[in-house]
């Protein structure tokens, strides 16, 4: 890859020092200012593509919990990397979504209907709390749903 940074001859083949750091920071700032719109558009589209890929193949884990009022229930632990939670210790927030009572599924967690019900409830949760939205060229927010 060709570097857009031209290093002067007096800094060539010398040791690492603060003037080199300042030079590179200055060049990066100038490069960013010249290409700001292009770089920002690229980063926005890249983040939206990553979010959409995750929404199409989200990750969750089914667990059984013992509730005092309902007995044994099945919950789905869902991780949403695109939903930022500033008040959490974790980088990505986890959500526990109630899927149903264990007694409703004859084979427990191995019942194929559990996966179907869990994915439907998770998609509904994501649509309601964090709908997929993207800005169009007119800076209008467009929402998409499952």
Protein backbone atom coordinates (compact mmCIF):
# COMPACT_ATOMS: atom_id res chain seq x y z
CA UNK A 1 0.00 0.00 0.00
CA UNK A 2 1.29 3.42 -0.90
CA UNK A 3 1.56 5.83 2.00
CA UNK A 4 0.05 9.31 1.58
CA UNK A 5 2.62 10.66 4.06
CA UNK A 6 5.84 12.20 2.80
CA UNK A 7 8.57 12.22 5.42
CA UNK A 8 11.28 14.81 5.05
CA UNK A 9 14.86 13.67 4.52
CA UNK A 10 16.05 14.98 7.90
CA UNK A 11 13.65 12.60 9.71
CA UNK A 12 14.52 9.65 7.46
CA UNK A 13 16.32 6.72 9.14
CA UNK A 14 16.39 8.30 12.57
CA UNK A 15 15.11 7.16 15.92
CA UNK A 16 11.56 7.52 17.16
CA UNK A 17 10.95 10.86 18.91
CA UNK A 18 8.23 13.42 19.58
CA UNK A 19 8.78 15.42 16.41
CA UNK A 20 7.93 12.34 14.35
CA UNK A 21 4.75 11.84 16.39
CA UNK A 22 3.77 15.49 15.92
CA UNK A 23 4.50 15.28 12.18
CA UNK A 24 2.34 12.18 11.73
CA UNK A 25 -0.51 13.61 13.82
CA UNK A 26 -0.43 16.82 11.80
CA UNK A 27 -0.43 14.94 8.50
CA UNK A 28 -3.31 12.73 9.70
CA UNK A 29 -5.35 15.79 10.68
CA UNK A 30 -4.71 17.43 7.29
CA UNK A 31 -5.58 14.20 5.47
CA UNK A 32 -8.80 13.81 7.48
CA UNK A 33 -9.86 17.41 6.84
CA UNK A 34 -9.30 17.02 3.09
CA UNK A 35 -11.26 13.73 2.96
CA UNK A 36 -13.62 14.20 5.92
CA UNK A 37 -16.89 13.59 4.07
CA UNK A 38 -15.60 10.49 2.29
CA UNK A 39 -14.10 9.00 5.48
CA UNK A 40 -17.23 9.70 7.54
CA UNK A 41 -19.48 8.16 4.87
CA UNK A 42 -17.27 5.08 4.72
CA UNK A 43 -17.26 4.62 8.51
CA UNK A 44 -21.05 5.13 8.69
CA UNK A 45 -21.76 2.58 5.96
CA UNK A 46 -19.31 0.09 7.45
CA UNK A 47 -20.97 0.32 10.87
CA UNK A 48 -24.45 -0.06 9.34
CA UNK A 49 -23.34 -3.11 7.33
CA UNK A 50 -21.90 -4.73 10.46
CA UNK A 51 -25.11 -4.00 12.36
CA UNK A 52 -27.25 -5.45 9.57
CA UNK A 53 -25.11 -8.61 9.38
CA UNK A 54 -25.55 -9.11 13.11
CA UNK A 55 -29.31 -8.51 12.92
CA UNK A 56 -29.61 -11.19 10.23
CA UNK A 57 -27.65 -13.70 12.33
CA UNK A 58 -27.97 -12.57 15.96
CA UNK A 59 -26.48 -14.60 18.80
CA UNK A 60 -28.37 -15.75 21.84
CA UNK A 61 -28.20 -18.44 24.46
CA UNK A 62 -31.18 -20.25 25.94
CA UNK A 63 -31.19 -20.82 29.70
CA UNK A 64 -33.57 -22.25 32.27
CA UNK A 65 -34.33 -20.19 35.33
CA UNK A 66 -36.36 -21.01 38.40
CA UNK A 67 -39.00 -18.38 39.10
CA UNK A 68 -40.84 -18.30 42.43
CA UNK A 69 -44.16 -17.37 40.84
CA UNK A 70 -44.00 -19.21 37.50
CA UNK A 71 -41.82 -22.24 38.14
CA UNK A 72 -39.12 -23.09 35.62
CA UNK A 73 -38.97 -20.70 32.68
CA UNK A 74 -36.87 -20.46 29.53
CA UNK A 75 -35.02 -17.21 28.92
CA UNK A 76 -32.91 -16.11 25.99
CA UNK A 77 -29.75 -14.17 26.76
CA UNK A 78 -29.27 -11.81 23.81
CA UNK A 79 -26.17 -9.76 23.04
CA UNK A 80 -26.65 -6.61 20.97
CA UNK A 81 -23.31 -5.04 19.96
CA UNK A 82 -25.03 -2.14 18.18
CA UNK A 83 -26.97 -1.07 21.30
CA UNK A 84 -24.60 0.90 23.48
CA UNK A 85 -25.23 1.00 27.22
CA UNK A 86 -23.19 3.66 29.02
CA UNK A 87 -24.28 2.56 32.50
CA UNK A 88 -23.05 -1.01 32.11
CA UNK A 89 -19.68 -2.55 32.92
CA UNK A 90 -19.90 -4.67 29.79
CA UNK A 91 -18.92 -3.20 26.44
CA UNK A 92 -22.12 -4.63 24.90
CA UNK A 93 -25.39 -4.92 26.77
CA UNK A 94 -26.99 -8.28 27.34
CA UNK A 95 -30.74 -8.68 27.55
CA UNK A 96 -32.70 -11.51 29.14
CA UNK A 97 -35.93 -12.13 27.24
CA UNK A 98 -38.60 -14.48 28.55
CA UNK A 99 -39.41 -17.19 25.98
CA UNK A 100 -41.92 -19.34 27.86
CA UNK A 101 -42.47 -21.89 30.60
CA UNK A 102 -40.42 -25.06 30.49
CA UNK A 103 -43.62 -27.12 30.87
CA UNK A 104 -44.86 -25.82 27.48
CA UNK A 105 -42.05 -27.65 25.67
CA UNK A 106 -41.96 -31.44 25.95
CA UNK A 107 -38.28 -31.83 25.06
CA UNK A 108 -37.08 -28.86 27.11
CA UNK A 109 -34.34 -26.81 25.46
CA UNK A 110 -33.96 -29.43 22.71
CA UNK A 111 -37.52 -28.86 21.50
CA UNK A 112 -37.38 -27.33 17.99
CA UNK A 113 -40.32 -25.06 18.81
CA UNK A 114 -38.25 -23.35 21.52
CA UNK A 115 -35.85 -21.97 18.90
CA UNK A 116 -38.72 -20.77 16.71
CA UNK A 117 -40.49 -19.04 19.62
CA UNK A 118 -37.22 -17.58 20.93
CA UNK A 119 -36.23 -16.10 17.57
CA UNK A 120 -39.70 -14.61 17.05
CA UNK A 121 -39.65 -13.01 20.51
CA UNK A 122 -36.10 -11.75 20.04
CA UNK A 123 -36.91 -10.21 16.66
CA UNK A 124 -39.96 -8.56 18.18
CA UNK A 125 -37.86 -7.22 21.06
CA UNK A 126 -35.17 -5.86 18.75
CA UNK A 127 -37.75 -4.25 16.45
CA UNK A 128 -39.49 -2.58 19.35
CA UNK A 129 -36.44 -1.37 21.30
CA UNK A 130 -33.76 -0.95 18.61
CA UNK A 131 -35.24 -0.76 15.09
CA UNK A 132 -32.73 -0.73 12.25
CA UNK A 133 -32.50 2.79 10.91
CA UNK A 134 -30.31 4.37 8.30
CA UNK A 135 -29.99 7.90 6.96
CA UNK A 136 -30.76 8.37 3.29
CA UNK A 137 -29.17 11.02 1.08
CA UNK A 138 -31.72 13.63 2.24
CA UNK A 139 -30.72 13.00 5.89
CA UNK A 140 -34.11 11.40 6.55
CA UNK A 141 -34.15 8.48 8.97
CA UNK A 142 -35.53 5.31 7.35
CA UNK A 143 -36.48 2.38 9.61
CA UNK A 144 -36.56 -1.27 8.58
CA UNK A 145 -38.25 -4.10 10.46
CA UNK A 146 -38.06 -7.90 10.43
